[in-house]
N, C-alpha and C. Protein backbone atom coordinates (compact mmCIF):
# COMPACT_ATOMS: atom_id res chain seq x y z
N UNK A 1 109.72 107.26 90.40
CA UNK A 1 109.24 107.29 91.78
C UNK A 1 108.44 106.03 92.08
N UNK A 2 108.56 105.53 93.29
CA UNK A 2 107.77 104.39 93.70
C UNK A 2 106.32 104.79 93.91
N UNK A 3 105.43 103.87 93.65
CA UNK A 3 104.01 104.12 93.87
C UNK A 3 103.70 104.02 95.37
N UNK A 4 102.61 104.67 95.83
CA UNK A 4 102.24 104.58 97.25
C UNK A 4 102.04 103.12 97.67
N UNK A 5 102.37 102.84 98.93
CA UNK A 5 102.23 101.49 99.45
C UNK A 5 100.76 101.11 99.56
N UNK A 6 100.43 99.92 99.06
CA UNK A 6 99.06 99.44 99.15
C UNK A 6 98.82 98.76 100.50
N UNK A 7 97.58 98.85 101.02
CA UNK A 7 97.26 98.12 102.26
C UNK A 7 97.48 96.62 102.08
N UNK A 8 97.79 95.94 103.16
CA UNK A 8 98.09 94.51 103.08
C UNK A 8 96.88 93.69 102.64
N UNK A 9 95.66 94.23 102.82
CA UNK A 9 94.48 93.52 102.35
C UNK A 9 94.46 93.41 100.83
N UNK A 10 95.12 94.38 100.16
CA UNK A 10 95.19 94.39 98.70
C UNK A 10 96.46 93.68 98.24
N UNK A 11 97.57 93.97 98.90
CA UNK A 11 98.85 93.39 98.53
C UNK A 11 99.49 92.72 99.76
N UNK A 12 99.34 91.39 99.91
CA UNK A 12 99.88 90.69 101.09
C UNK A 12 101.39 90.86 101.27
N UNK A 13 102.12 91.19 100.19
CA UNK A 13 103.57 91.35 100.30
C UNK A 13 103.94 92.51 101.21
N UNK A 14 102.99 93.42 101.43
CA UNK A 14 103.26 94.54 102.32
C UNK A 14 103.62 94.07 103.72
N UNK A 15 103.11 92.91 104.11
CA UNK A 15 103.38 92.40 105.47
C UNK A 15 104.78 91.83 105.61
N UNK A 16 105.48 91.64 104.51
CA UNK A 16 106.79 90.99 104.56
C UNK A 16 107.87 92.05 104.82
N UNK A 17 108.58 91.97 105.94
CA UNK A 17 109.61 92.97 106.22
C UNK A 17 110.91 92.67 105.48
N UNK A 18 111.72 93.70 105.30
CA UNK A 18 113.11 93.50 104.88
C UNK A 18 113.92 93.32 106.16
N UNK A 19 114.66 92.23 106.27
CA UNK A 19 115.40 91.93 107.49
C UNK A 19 116.89 91.87 107.19
N UNK A 20 117.66 92.61 107.97
CA UNK A 20 119.11 92.65 107.79
C UNK A 20 119.80 92.27 109.10
N UNK A 21 120.99 91.75 108.98
CA UNK A 21 121.81 91.37 110.14
C UNK A 21 123.02 92.31 110.19
N UNK A 22 123.24 92.91 111.34
CA UNK A 22 124.34 93.85 111.51
C UNK A 22 125.22 93.38 112.67
N UNK A 23 126.51 93.27 112.41
CA UNK A 23 127.48 92.88 113.45
C UNK A 23 128.35 94.08 113.80
N UNK A 24 128.50 94.32 115.10
CA UNK A 24 129.32 95.43 115.59
C UNK A 24 130.36 94.88 116.55
N UNK A 25 131.62 95.27 116.37
CA UNK A 25 132.68 94.83 117.26
C UNK A 25 133.23 93.47 116.89
N UNK A 26 134.23 93.04 117.67
CA UNK A 26 134.89 91.76 117.43
C UNK A 26 135.08 91.02 118.74
N UNK A 27 135.29 89.70 118.62
CA UNK A 27 135.57 88.87 119.80
C UNK A 27 134.47 88.95 120.84
N UNK A 28 134.86 89.14 122.12
CA UNK A 28 133.88 89.19 123.19
C UNK A 28 133.03 90.45 123.14
N UNK A 29 133.49 91.46 122.39
CA UNK A 29 132.74 92.70 122.24
C UNK A 29 131.77 92.66 121.07
N UNK A 30 131.70 91.52 120.41
CA UNK A 30 130.85 91.40 119.22
C UNK A 30 129.38 91.39 119.59
N UNK A 31 128.60 92.26 118.93
CA UNK A 31 127.16 92.33 119.13
C UNK A 31 126.48 92.13 117.78
N UNK A 32 125.34 91.46 117.81
CA UNK A 32 124.59 91.18 116.58
C UNK A 32 123.20 91.78 116.70
N UNK A 33 122.80 92.53 115.68
CA UNK A 33 121.47 93.12 115.65
C UNK A 33 120.72 92.61 114.43
N UNK A 34 119.41 92.50 114.58
CA UNK A 34 118.55 92.19 113.45
C UNK A 34 117.64 93.40 113.21
N UNK A 35 117.65 93.90 111.99
CA UNK A 35 116.91 95.11 111.64
C UNK A 35 115.74 94.73 110.75
N UNK A 36 114.54 95.14 111.14
CA UNK A 36 113.33 94.86 110.35
C UNK A 36 112.76 96.17 109.83
N UNK A 37 112.54 96.25 108.53
CA UNK A 37 111.99 97.45 107.91
C UNK A 37 110.64 97.13 107.28
N UNK A 38 109.63 97.92 107.64
CA UNK A 38 108.30 97.79 107.05
C UNK A 38 107.99 99.07 106.27
N UNK A 39 107.46 98.90 105.08
CA UNK A 39 106.88 100.04 104.36
C UNK A 39 105.37 99.83 104.41
N UNK A 40 104.77 100.17 105.53
CA UNK A 40 103.36 99.87 105.75
C UNK A 40 102.48 101.03 105.31
N UNK A 41 101.32 100.72 104.80
CA UNK A 41 100.33 101.74 104.47
C UNK A 41 99.73 102.29 105.75
N UNK A 42 99.25 103.54 105.69
CA UNK A 42 98.66 104.16 106.86
C UNK A 42 97.51 103.36 107.42
N UNK A 43 96.69 102.77 106.53
CA UNK A 43 95.55 101.98 107.00
C UNK A 43 95.98 100.82 107.87
N UNK A 44 97.13 100.21 107.52
CA UNK A 44 97.61 99.06 108.27
C UNK A 44 98.07 99.44 109.67
N UNK A 45 98.57 100.67 109.82
CA UNK A 45 99.12 101.07 111.11
C UNK A 45 98.05 101.47 112.11
N UNK A 46 96.80 101.58 111.67
CA UNK A 46 95.72 101.84 112.62
C UNK A 46 94.69 100.72 112.63
N UNK A 47 94.93 99.68 111.84
CA UNK A 47 94.05 98.52 111.82
C UNK A 47 94.59 97.50 112.82
N UNK A 48 93.87 97.29 113.92
CA UNK A 48 94.40 96.43 114.99
C UNK A 48 94.61 94.99 114.52
N UNK A 49 93.75 94.51 113.65
CA UNK A 49 93.91 93.13 113.18
C UNK A 49 95.20 92.99 112.37
N UNK A 50 95.47 93.98 111.51
CA UNK A 50 96.69 93.94 110.71
C UNK A 50 97.91 94.24 111.56
N UNK A 51 97.78 95.23 112.44
CA UNK A 51 98.91 95.63 113.27
C UNK A 51 99.38 94.49 114.16
N UNK A 52 98.45 93.62 114.56
CA UNK A 52 98.82 92.50 115.43
C UNK A 52 99.80 91.55 114.75
N UNK A 53 99.79 91.52 113.40
CA UNK A 53 100.74 90.65 112.69
C UNK A 53 102.17 91.19 112.77
N UNK A 54 102.31 92.48 113.13
CA UNK A 54 103.63 93.08 113.28
C UNK A 54 104.09 93.10 114.74
N UNK A 55 103.22 92.67 115.67
CA UNK A 55 103.49 92.96 117.08
C UNK A 55 104.78 92.32 117.58
N UNK A 56 105.16 91.16 117.05
CA UNK A 56 106.40 90.53 117.56
C UNK A 56 107.63 91.35 117.18
N UNK A 57 107.53 92.06 116.05
CA UNK A 57 108.65 92.92 115.65
C UNK A 57 108.62 94.23 116.42
N UNK A 58 107.43 94.79 116.60
CA UNK A 58 107.31 96.10 117.23
C UNK A 58 107.51 96.01 118.74
N UNK A 59 106.71 95.17 119.39
CA UNK A 59 106.72 95.14 120.85
C UNK A 59 107.93 94.39 121.42
N UNK A 60 108.64 93.66 120.60
CA UNK A 60 109.85 92.98 121.06
C UNK A 60 111.12 93.68 120.65
N UNK A 61 110.99 94.84 120.01
CA UNK A 61 112.16 95.55 119.49
C UNK A 61 112.92 96.27 120.59
N UNK A 62 114.23 96.44 120.39
CA UNK A 62 115.06 97.22 121.30
C UNK A 62 115.08 98.69 120.92
N UNK A 63 114.44 99.03 119.82
CA UNK A 63 114.35 100.42 119.37
C UNK A 63 113.49 100.50 118.12
N UNK A 64 112.83 101.62 117.93
CA UNK A 64 111.91 101.80 116.81
C UNK A 64 112.14 103.16 116.16
N UNK A 65 112.20 103.16 114.83
CA UNK A 65 112.15 104.40 114.06
C UNK A 65 110.73 104.54 113.54
N UNK A 66 110.06 105.59 113.96
CA UNK A 66 108.64 105.78 113.70
C UNK A 66 108.47 106.99 112.79
N UNK A 67 108.10 106.76 111.53
CA UNK A 67 108.02 107.84 110.55
C UNK A 67 106.72 108.62 110.69
N UNK A 68 106.83 109.95 110.63
CA UNK A 68 105.69 110.86 110.64
C UNK A 68 105.61 111.54 109.28
N UNK A 69 104.45 111.47 108.63
CA UNK A 69 104.27 112.05 107.30
C UNK A 69 103.81 113.50 107.44
N UNK A 70 104.64 114.48 107.05
CA UNK A 70 104.24 115.88 107.20
C UNK A 70 103.06 116.27 106.32
N UNK A 71 102.84 115.54 105.23
CA UNK A 71 101.74 115.88 104.34
C UNK A 71 100.39 115.44 104.88
N UNK A 72 100.39 114.78 106.02
CA UNK A 72 99.14 114.44 106.70
C UNK A 72 98.94 115.29 107.95
N UNK A 73 99.72 116.38 108.07
CA UNK A 73 99.62 117.28 109.22
C UNK A 73 98.80 118.51 108.82
N UNK A 74 97.78 118.81 109.59
CA UNK A 74 96.85 119.88 109.23
C UNK A 74 97.53 121.23 109.07
N UNK A 75 98.45 121.56 109.99
CA UNK A 75 99.11 122.85 109.94
C UNK A 75 99.99 123.03 108.71
N UNK A 76 100.51 121.94 108.18
CA UNK A 76 101.33 122.00 106.97
C UNK A 76 100.44 122.05 105.74
N UNK A 77 99.40 121.26 105.71
CA UNK A 77 98.48 121.24 104.56
C UNK A 77 97.85 122.60 104.31
N UNK A 78 97.58 123.35 105.37
CA UNK A 78 96.96 124.66 105.22
C UNK A 78 97.90 125.67 104.58
N UNK A 79 99.21 125.42 104.64
CA UNK A 79 100.19 126.37 104.14
C UNK A 79 100.75 126.00 102.77
N UNK A 80 100.35 124.86 102.22
CA UNK A 80 100.93 124.38 100.97
C UNK A 80 99.92 124.44 99.84
N UNK A 81 100.47 124.50 98.62
CA UNK A 81 99.64 124.45 97.42
C UNK A 81 98.93 123.11 97.36
N UNK A 82 97.62 123.13 97.22
CA UNK A 82 96.86 121.87 97.23
C UNK A 82 97.28 120.92 96.12
N UNK A 83 97.87 121.46 95.04
CA UNK A 83 98.31 120.60 93.95
C UNK A 83 99.46 119.69 94.37
N UNK A 84 100.18 120.09 95.42
CA UNK A 84 101.32 119.31 95.90
C UNK A 84 100.90 118.21 96.88
N UNK A 85 99.66 118.23 97.31
CA UNK A 85 99.25 117.39 98.41
C UNK A 85 98.55 116.12 97.96
N UNK A 86 98.85 115.00 98.62
CA UNK A 86 98.07 113.78 98.41
C UNK A 86 96.73 113.92 99.14
N UNK A 87 95.77 113.05 98.87
CA UNK A 87 94.50 113.12 99.61
C UNK A 87 94.74 112.94 101.11
N UNK A 88 93.91 113.61 101.89
CA UNK A 88 94.01 113.46 103.34
C UNK A 88 93.61 112.04 103.73
N UNK A 89 94.49 111.36 104.46
CA UNK A 89 94.25 109.99 104.89
C UNK A 89 94.21 109.98 106.41
N UNK A 90 93.02 109.94 106.98
CA UNK A 90 92.91 110.01 108.44
C UNK A 90 93.63 108.86 109.13
N UNK A 91 93.74 107.71 108.44
CA UNK A 91 94.45 106.58 109.03
C UNK A 91 95.94 106.84 109.14
N UNK A 92 96.48 107.73 108.28
CA UNK A 92 97.91 108.01 108.29
C UNK A 92 98.26 109.24 109.12
N UNK A 93 97.27 109.88 109.72
CA UNK A 93 97.55 111.05 110.54
C UNK A 93 98.39 110.64 111.75
N UNK A 94 99.45 111.39 112.05
CA UNK A 94 100.36 110.99 113.13
C UNK A 94 99.66 110.72 114.45
N UNK A 95 98.64 111.52 114.81
CA UNK A 95 97.94 111.32 116.07
C UNK A 95 97.34 109.92 116.16
N UNK A 96 96.74 109.47 115.05
CA UNK A 96 96.07 108.17 115.06
C UNK A 96 97.07 107.01 115.11
N UNK A 97 98.19 107.16 114.43
CA UNK A 97 99.17 106.07 114.41
C UNK A 97 99.87 105.95 115.76
N UNK A 98 100.17 107.09 116.38
CA UNK A 98 100.79 107.06 117.71
C UNK A 98 99.84 106.42 118.72
N UNK A 99 98.56 106.75 118.61
CA UNK A 99 97.57 106.15 119.51
C UNK A 99 97.52 104.64 119.33
N UNK A 100 97.58 104.19 118.07
CA UNK A 100 97.55 102.75 117.79
C UNK A 100 98.79 102.06 118.35
N UNK A 101 99.94 102.73 118.27
CA UNK A 101 101.17 102.15 118.82
C UNK A 101 101.05 101.98 120.32
N UNK A 102 100.53 102.98 121.00
CA UNK A 102 100.37 102.91 122.45
C UNK A 102 99.43 101.76 122.82
N UNK A 103 98.32 101.64 122.11
CA UNK A 103 97.35 100.59 122.40
C UNK A 103 97.94 99.21 122.14
N UNK A 104 98.81 99.10 121.13
CA UNK A 104 99.44 97.82 120.84
C UNK A 104 100.35 97.40 121.99
N UNK A 105 101.13 98.33 122.54
CA UNK A 105 102.00 98.01 123.67
C UNK A 105 101.18 97.59 124.89
N UNK A 106 100.07 98.25 125.10
CA UNK A 106 99.23 97.90 126.25
C UNK A 106 98.66 96.50 126.13
N UNK A 107 98.22 96.14 124.91
CA UNK A 107 97.59 94.83 124.73
C UNK A 107 98.60 93.69 124.65
N UNK A 108 99.76 93.92 124.05
CA UNK A 108 100.74 92.85 123.85
C UNK A 108 101.69 92.73 125.04
N UNK A 109 102.21 93.85 125.51
CA UNK A 109 103.18 93.82 126.61
C UNK A 109 102.53 94.06 127.97
N UNK A 110 101.20 94.21 127.97
CA UNK A 110 100.43 94.37 129.21
C UNK A 110 100.93 95.55 130.05
N UNK A 111 101.20 96.66 129.37
CA UNK A 111 101.63 97.86 130.06
C UNK A 111 100.41 98.61 130.58
N UNK A 112 100.39 98.97 131.86
CA UNK A 112 99.25 99.74 132.40
C UNK A 112 99.08 101.06 131.65
N UNK A 113 97.87 101.57 131.56
CA UNK A 113 97.60 102.79 130.79
C UNK A 113 98.44 104.00 131.18
N UNK A 114 98.81 104.11 132.45
CA UNK A 114 99.56 105.29 132.90
C UNK A 114 101.07 105.07 132.92
N UNK A 115 101.52 103.89 132.55
CA UNK A 115 102.97 103.61 132.55
C UNK A 115 103.57 103.99 131.21
N UNK A 116 104.71 104.66 131.26
CA UNK A 116 105.37 105.08 130.02
C UNK A 116 106.09 103.90 129.36
N UNK A 117 106.11 103.90 128.03
CA UNK A 117 106.84 102.88 127.27
C UNK A 117 108.32 103.23 127.31
N UNK A 118 109.16 102.27 127.69
CA UNK A 118 110.58 102.53 127.88
C UNK A 118 111.43 102.28 126.63
N UNK A 119 110.88 101.59 125.64
CA UNK A 119 111.63 101.32 124.41
C UNK A 119 112.05 102.62 123.74
N UNK A 120 113.33 102.77 123.35
CA UNK A 120 113.74 103.99 122.63
C UNK A 120 112.99 104.11 121.29
N UNK A 121 112.37 105.26 121.07
CA UNK A 121 111.61 105.47 119.84
C UNK A 121 112.05 106.79 119.20
N UNK A 122 112.47 106.72 117.95
CA UNK A 122 112.86 107.90 117.18
C UNK A 122 111.67 108.33 116.33
N UNK A 123 110.95 109.36 116.79
CA UNK A 123 109.84 109.90 116.02
C UNK A 123 110.43 110.79 114.93
N UNK A 124 110.28 110.34 113.69
CA UNK A 124 111.06 110.91 112.60
C UNK A 124 110.17 111.57 111.55
N UNK A 125 110.33 112.88 111.40
CA UNK A 125 109.60 113.64 110.40
C UNK A 125 110.24 113.39 109.03
N UNK A 126 109.48 112.81 108.12
CA UNK A 126 110.01 112.48 106.79
C UNK A 126 109.78 113.63 105.82
N UNK A 127 110.39 113.54 104.63
CA UNK A 127 110.14 114.47 103.51
C UNK A 127 110.40 115.93 103.89
N UNK A 128 111.44 116.18 104.68
CA UNK A 128 111.66 117.55 105.14
C UNK A 128 112.03 118.51 104.02
N UNK A 129 112.45 117.99 102.86
CA UNK A 129 112.75 118.89 101.73
C UNK A 129 111.50 119.64 101.27
N UNK A 130 110.31 119.08 101.54
CA UNK A 130 109.06 119.73 101.18
C UNK A 130 108.74 120.93 102.07
N UNK A 131 109.42 121.02 103.21
CA UNK A 131 109.05 122.01 104.21
C UNK A 131 109.91 123.26 104.18
N UNK A 132 110.84 123.34 103.24
CA UNK A 132 111.79 124.45 103.20
C UNK A 132 111.09 125.80 103.19
N UNK A 133 110.04 125.94 102.39
CA UNK A 133 109.34 127.22 102.27
C UNK A 133 108.56 127.58 103.54
N UNK A 134 108.33 126.61 104.41
CA UNK A 134 107.57 126.85 105.64
C UNK A 134 108.46 127.18 106.82
N UNK A 135 109.77 127.06 106.65
CA UNK A 135 110.72 127.30 107.74
C UNK A 135 111.39 128.64 107.51
N UNK A 136 111.06 129.61 108.35
CA UNK A 136 111.56 130.98 108.15
C UNK A 136 112.93 131.21 108.75
N UNK A 137 113.48 130.23 109.42
CA UNK A 137 114.80 130.36 110.05
C UNK A 137 115.83 129.59 109.23
N UNK A 138 116.71 130.28 108.49
CA UNK A 138 117.71 129.57 107.68
C UNK A 138 118.70 128.77 108.51
N UNK A 139 118.77 129.06 109.81
CA UNK A 139 119.68 128.31 110.68
C UNK A 139 119.04 127.10 111.32
N UNK A 140 117.80 126.79 110.97
CA UNK A 140 117.11 125.64 111.55
C UNK A 140 117.87 124.35 111.27
N UNK A 141 118.05 123.49 112.28
CA UNK A 141 118.73 122.21 112.05
C UNK A 141 118.05 121.36 110.98
N UNK A 142 116.75 121.57 110.76
CA UNK A 142 116.03 120.80 109.74
C UNK A 142 116.56 121.09 108.34
N UNK A 143 117.19 122.25 108.17
CA UNK A 143 117.70 122.63 106.85
C UNK A 143 119.19 122.34 106.70
N UNK A 144 119.82 121.86 107.76
CA UNK A 144 121.26 121.62 107.75
C UNK A 144 121.57 120.13 107.59
N UNK A 145 122.77 119.84 107.12
CA UNK A 145 123.24 118.46 107.05
C UNK A 145 123.82 118.07 108.40
N UNK A 146 123.84 116.77 108.67
CA UNK A 146 124.37 116.30 109.95
C UNK A 146 125.89 116.26 109.91
N UNK A 147 126.49 116.21 111.10
CA UNK A 147 127.94 116.20 111.20
C UNK A 147 128.34 115.39 112.43
N UNK A 148 128.54 114.09 112.22
CA UNK A 148 128.92 113.20 113.32
C UNK A 148 130.22 112.49 112.93
N UNK A 149 131.30 112.92 113.51
CA UNK A 149 132.61 112.37 113.16
C UNK A 149 133.16 111.58 114.34
N UNK A 150 133.17 110.27 114.22
CA UNK A 150 133.73 109.42 115.27
C UNK A 150 132.76 109.10 116.38
N UNK A 151 132.03 110.10 116.86
CA UNK A 151 131.04 109.90 117.91
C UNK A 151 129.78 110.69 117.57
N UNK A 152 128.67 110.28 118.17
CA UNK A 152 127.40 110.95 117.93
C UNK A 152 127.39 112.29 118.66
N UNK A 153 127.14 113.36 117.91
CA UNK A 153 127.11 114.71 118.48
C UNK A 153 125.76 114.93 119.17
N UNK A 154 125.72 114.76 120.47
CA UNK A 154 124.47 114.78 121.23
C UNK A 154 123.87 116.19 121.29
N UNK A 155 124.71 117.22 121.35
CA UNK A 155 124.19 118.59 121.36
C UNK A 155 123.45 118.90 120.06
N UNK A 156 123.98 118.42 118.96
CA UNK A 156 123.35 118.64 117.67
C UNK A 156 121.99 117.96 117.61
N UNK A 157 121.91 116.75 118.13
CA UNK A 157 120.63 116.04 118.15
C UNK A 157 119.63 116.72 119.08
N UNK A 158 120.11 117.27 120.19
CA UNK A 158 119.21 117.98 121.10
C UNK A 158 118.64 119.24 120.46
N UNK A 159 119.47 119.95 119.69
CA UNK A 159 119.00 121.14 118.98
C UNK A 159 117.93 120.77 117.96
N UNK A 160 118.15 119.67 117.25
CA UNK A 160 117.17 119.21 116.26
C UNK A 160 115.87 118.81 116.95
N UNK A 161 115.97 118.08 118.05
CA UNK A 161 114.79 117.64 118.81
C UNK A 161 113.97 118.85 119.26
N UNK A 162 114.63 119.85 119.82
CA UNK A 162 113.94 121.05 120.31
C UNK A 162 113.26 121.80 119.18
N UNK A 163 113.94 121.90 118.05
CA UNK A 163 113.40 122.62 116.90
C UNK A 163 112.13 121.93 116.37
N UNK A 164 112.19 120.61 116.23
CA UNK A 164 111.04 119.87 115.71
C UNK A 164 109.89 119.88 116.71
N UNK A 165 110.21 119.75 117.99
CA UNK A 165 109.17 119.78 119.02
C UNK A 165 108.38 121.09 118.94
N UNK A 166 109.08 122.19 118.76
CA UNK A 166 108.43 123.50 118.65
C UNK A 166 107.55 123.56 117.41
N UNK A 167 108.03 123.04 116.30
CA UNK A 167 107.27 123.13 115.04
C UNK A 167 106.07 122.19 115.04
N UNK A 168 106.20 121.03 115.65
CA UNK A 168 105.07 120.11 115.69
C UNK A 168 103.90 120.69 116.46
N UNK A 169 104.18 121.53 117.44
CA UNK A 169 103.10 122.15 118.18
C UNK A 169 102.31 123.13 117.30
N UNK A 170 102.96 123.62 116.26
CA UNK A 170 102.29 124.50 115.31
C UNK A 170 101.66 123.69 114.18
N UNK A 171 102.37 122.68 113.69
CA UNK A 171 101.90 121.92 112.52
C UNK A 171 100.84 120.89 112.89
N UNK A 172 100.87 120.41 114.11
CA UNK A 172 99.83 119.50 114.60
C UNK A 172 99.06 120.25 115.67
N UNK A 173 99.21 119.84 116.92
CA UNK A 173 98.63 120.58 118.04
C UNK A 173 99.59 120.44 119.22
N UNK A 174 99.57 121.37 120.17
CA UNK A 174 100.41 121.20 121.36
C UNK A 174 100.11 119.89 122.08
N UNK A 175 98.90 119.40 121.94
CA UNK A 175 98.52 118.17 122.62
C UNK A 175 99.26 116.96 122.07
N UNK A 176 99.66 117.01 120.78
CA UNK A 176 100.38 115.87 120.20
C UNK A 176 101.69 115.65 120.94
N UNK A 177 102.48 116.71 121.10
CA UNK A 177 103.76 116.57 121.79
C UNK A 177 103.56 116.18 123.25
N UNK A 178 102.49 116.66 123.85
CA UNK A 178 102.18 116.29 125.23
C UNK A 178 101.85 114.80 125.31
N UNK A 179 101.15 114.28 124.31
CA UNK A 179 100.83 112.85 124.27
C UNK A 179 102.10 112.01 124.18
N UNK A 180 103.03 112.44 123.35
CA UNK A 180 104.31 111.73 123.22
C UNK A 180 105.04 111.73 124.57
N UNK A 181 105.11 112.90 125.19
CA UNK A 181 105.83 113.03 126.46
C UNK A 181 105.17 112.19 127.55
N UNK A 182 103.86 112.11 127.53
CA UNK A 182 103.12 111.39 128.57
C UNK A 182 103.25 109.87 128.42
N UNK A 183 103.36 109.40 127.17
CA UNK A 183 103.29 107.96 126.92
C UNK A 183 104.64 107.29 126.68
N UNK A 184 105.70 108.06 126.41
CA UNK A 184 106.98 107.46 126.04
C UNK A 184 108.10 108.06 126.90
N UNK A 185 108.86 107.19 127.52
CA UNK A 185 109.91 107.62 128.46
C UNK A 185 111.23 107.90 127.76
N UNK A 186 111.45 107.34 126.59
CA UNK A 186 112.76 107.38 125.94
C UNK A 186 112.56 107.66 124.45
N UNK A 187 112.49 108.92 124.09
CA UNK A 187 112.19 109.26 122.70
C UNK A 187 112.95 110.51 122.29
N UNK A 188 113.04 110.72 120.99
CA UNK A 188 113.60 111.96 120.46
C UNK A 188 113.01 112.20 119.08
N UNK A 189 112.99 113.48 118.66
CA UNK A 189 112.47 113.84 117.35
C UNK A 189 113.61 113.99 116.35
N UNK A 190 113.34 113.54 115.12
CA UNK A 190 114.32 113.66 114.04
C UNK A 190 113.62 114.15 112.78
N UNK A 191 114.40 114.68 111.85
CA UNK A 191 113.85 115.12 110.57
C UNK A 191 114.77 114.66 109.45
N UNK A 192 114.22 114.00 108.44
CA UNK A 192 115.04 113.43 107.37
C UNK A 192 114.46 113.75 105.99
N UNK A 193 115.33 113.72 105.01
CA UNK A 193 114.91 113.78 103.61
C UNK A 193 115.69 112.70 102.87
N UNK A 194 114.97 111.73 102.31
CA UNK A 194 115.65 110.63 101.62
C UNK A 194 116.26 111.07 100.29
N UNK A 195 115.63 112.04 99.63
CA UNK A 195 116.07 112.46 98.30
C UNK A 195 116.79 113.81 98.32
N UNK A 196 116.42 114.68 99.25
CA UNK A 196 117.03 116.01 99.30
C UNK A 196 116.28 117.04 98.48
N UNK A 197 115.48 116.59 97.55
CA UNK A 197 114.68 117.49 96.71
C UNK A 197 113.54 116.69 96.09
N UNK A 198 112.60 117.39 95.52
CA UNK A 198 111.47 116.73 94.88
C UNK A 198 111.79 116.38 93.43
N UNK A 199 111.23 115.29 92.90
CA UNK A 199 111.45 114.92 91.50
C UNK A 199 110.72 115.89 90.57
N UNK A 200 111.10 115.86 89.29
CA UNK A 200 110.45 116.73 88.31
C UNK A 200 109.09 116.15 87.91
N UNK A 201 108.45 116.78 86.93
CA UNK A 201 107.10 116.37 86.55
C UNK A 201 107.08 114.98 85.92
N UNK A 202 108.24 114.47 85.49
CA UNK A 202 108.33 113.12 84.93
C UNK A 202 108.57 112.07 86.01
N UNK A 203 108.72 112.54 87.26
CA UNK A 203 109.01 111.61 88.35
C UNK A 203 110.47 111.25 88.44
N UNK A 204 111.35 112.06 87.83
CA UNK A 204 112.79 111.81 87.85
C UNK A 204 113.49 112.83 88.74
N UNK A 205 114.65 112.46 89.23
CA UNK A 205 115.45 113.37 90.04
C UNK A 205 116.90 113.27 89.59
N UNK A 206 117.55 114.41 89.36
CA UNK A 206 118.88 114.40 88.77
C UNK A 206 120.00 114.21 89.78
N UNK A 207 119.76 114.58 91.02
CA UNK A 207 120.84 114.49 92.00
C UNK A 207 120.25 114.16 93.37
N UNK A 208 120.45 112.95 93.83
CA UNK A 208 119.94 112.53 95.13
C UNK A 208 120.93 112.94 96.22
N UNK A 209 120.46 113.72 97.18
CA UNK A 209 121.33 114.19 98.26
C UNK A 209 120.60 114.07 99.60
N UNK A 210 120.58 112.87 100.18
CA UNK A 210 119.85 112.64 101.45
C UNK A 210 120.34 113.58 102.56
N UNK A 211 119.43 113.90 103.46
CA UNK A 211 119.76 114.79 104.57
C UNK A 211 119.33 114.18 105.89
N UNK A 212 120.29 113.97 106.78
CA UNK A 212 120.11 113.52 108.16
C UNK A 212 119.46 112.14 108.28
N UNK A 213 119.51 111.33 107.22
CA UNK A 213 118.80 110.04 107.27
C UNK A 213 119.42 109.05 108.24
N UNK A 214 120.68 109.21 108.56
CA UNK A 214 121.35 108.22 109.42
C UNK A 214 121.09 108.46 110.91
N UNK A 215 120.64 109.66 111.27
CA UNK A 215 120.60 110.02 112.69
C UNK A 215 119.63 109.20 113.54
N UNK A 216 118.41 108.91 113.09
CA UNK A 216 117.54 108.08 113.94
C UNK A 216 118.17 106.73 114.27
N UNK A 217 118.80 106.13 113.28
CA UNK A 217 119.42 104.82 113.48
C UNK A 217 120.62 104.92 114.42
N UNK A 218 121.46 105.94 114.21
CA UNK A 218 122.62 106.12 115.08
C UNK A 218 122.19 106.37 116.52
N UNK A 219 121.12 107.13 116.70
CA UNK A 219 120.62 107.41 118.05
C UNK A 219 120.16 106.13 118.73
N UNK A 220 119.49 105.25 118.00
CA UNK A 220 119.06 103.98 118.59
C UNK A 220 120.27 103.12 118.97
N UNK A 221 121.30 103.13 118.14
CA UNK A 221 122.52 102.41 118.51
C UNK A 221 123.12 102.99 119.78
N UNK A 222 123.11 104.31 119.87
CA UNK A 222 123.65 104.98 121.07
C UNK A 222 122.82 104.62 122.31
N UNK A 223 121.51 104.64 122.21
CA UNK A 223 120.66 104.34 123.35
C UNK A 223 120.79 102.88 123.79
N UNK A 224 121.26 102.02 122.89
CA UNK A 224 121.49 100.62 123.24
C UNK A 224 122.96 100.34 123.52
N UNK A 225 123.74 101.41 123.76
CA UNK A 225 125.15 101.30 124.17
C UNK A 225 126.03 100.60 123.13
N UNK A 226 125.71 100.81 121.86
CA UNK A 226 126.48 100.19 120.79
C UNK A 226 127.45 101.15 120.14
N UNK A 227 127.23 102.46 120.25
CA UNK A 227 128.16 103.46 119.80
C UNK A 227 128.25 104.54 120.87
N UNK A 228 129.27 105.38 120.77
CA UNK A 228 129.47 106.42 121.77
C UNK A 228 128.97 107.77 121.28
N UNK A 229 128.59 108.60 122.24
CA UNK A 229 128.19 109.96 121.93
C UNK A 229 129.03 110.94 122.72
N UNK A 230 128.97 112.21 122.34
CA UNK A 230 129.73 113.22 123.08
C UNK A 230 128.94 114.53 123.11
N UNK A 231 129.16 115.28 124.21
CA UNK A 231 128.63 116.62 124.35
C UNK A 231 129.78 117.58 124.10
N UNK A 232 129.49 118.73 123.58
CA UNK A 232 130.56 119.72 123.36
C UNK A 232 130.19 121.05 123.95
């Protein structure tokens, strides 16, 4: 298992993004995207001085995948064995990071306080394999694999969004979802598991089976008219 990400004040390499180039289509239909990935520590995402070094990537982006750590959510921590939990990091709490994102847009893009941010943002609940015991509905989209063949299944994404929205009001506060709705005009909720299960006590995992990891990215492509979606 990888070690937790260190703040950039300790490890300057944290500020260096992984950048990829993606080409879609051919000829006159050819589109080129640049993808920037940050594995930032929670402290960095609420530190305005550090966050400003990311602003050209964040505030100039055509879409953002914004990870939410369920292990920093009060409603989840109260229901889990404390031995499974990392220390509470107030800087990594979703409420604080979302607030910092809003303030960054206001200061860099000069957005008035009451104007909604129009950039598509995929608010993505990570580590959903840890939440299985907390979800009493076996039919919850959070427990299912995705199924997008040829086109993005928009009804499936809407069901997932609704399910997560309902749970976040319990795991965080109803005010959190209200804050998202008030400040962002173009957003959706997603839930992903990179591994599909937790590693053993040695930090090893025998079978990696990611769940729904592609959906936030596919949704951003759809919102930027790069792939097609369908309702059924």
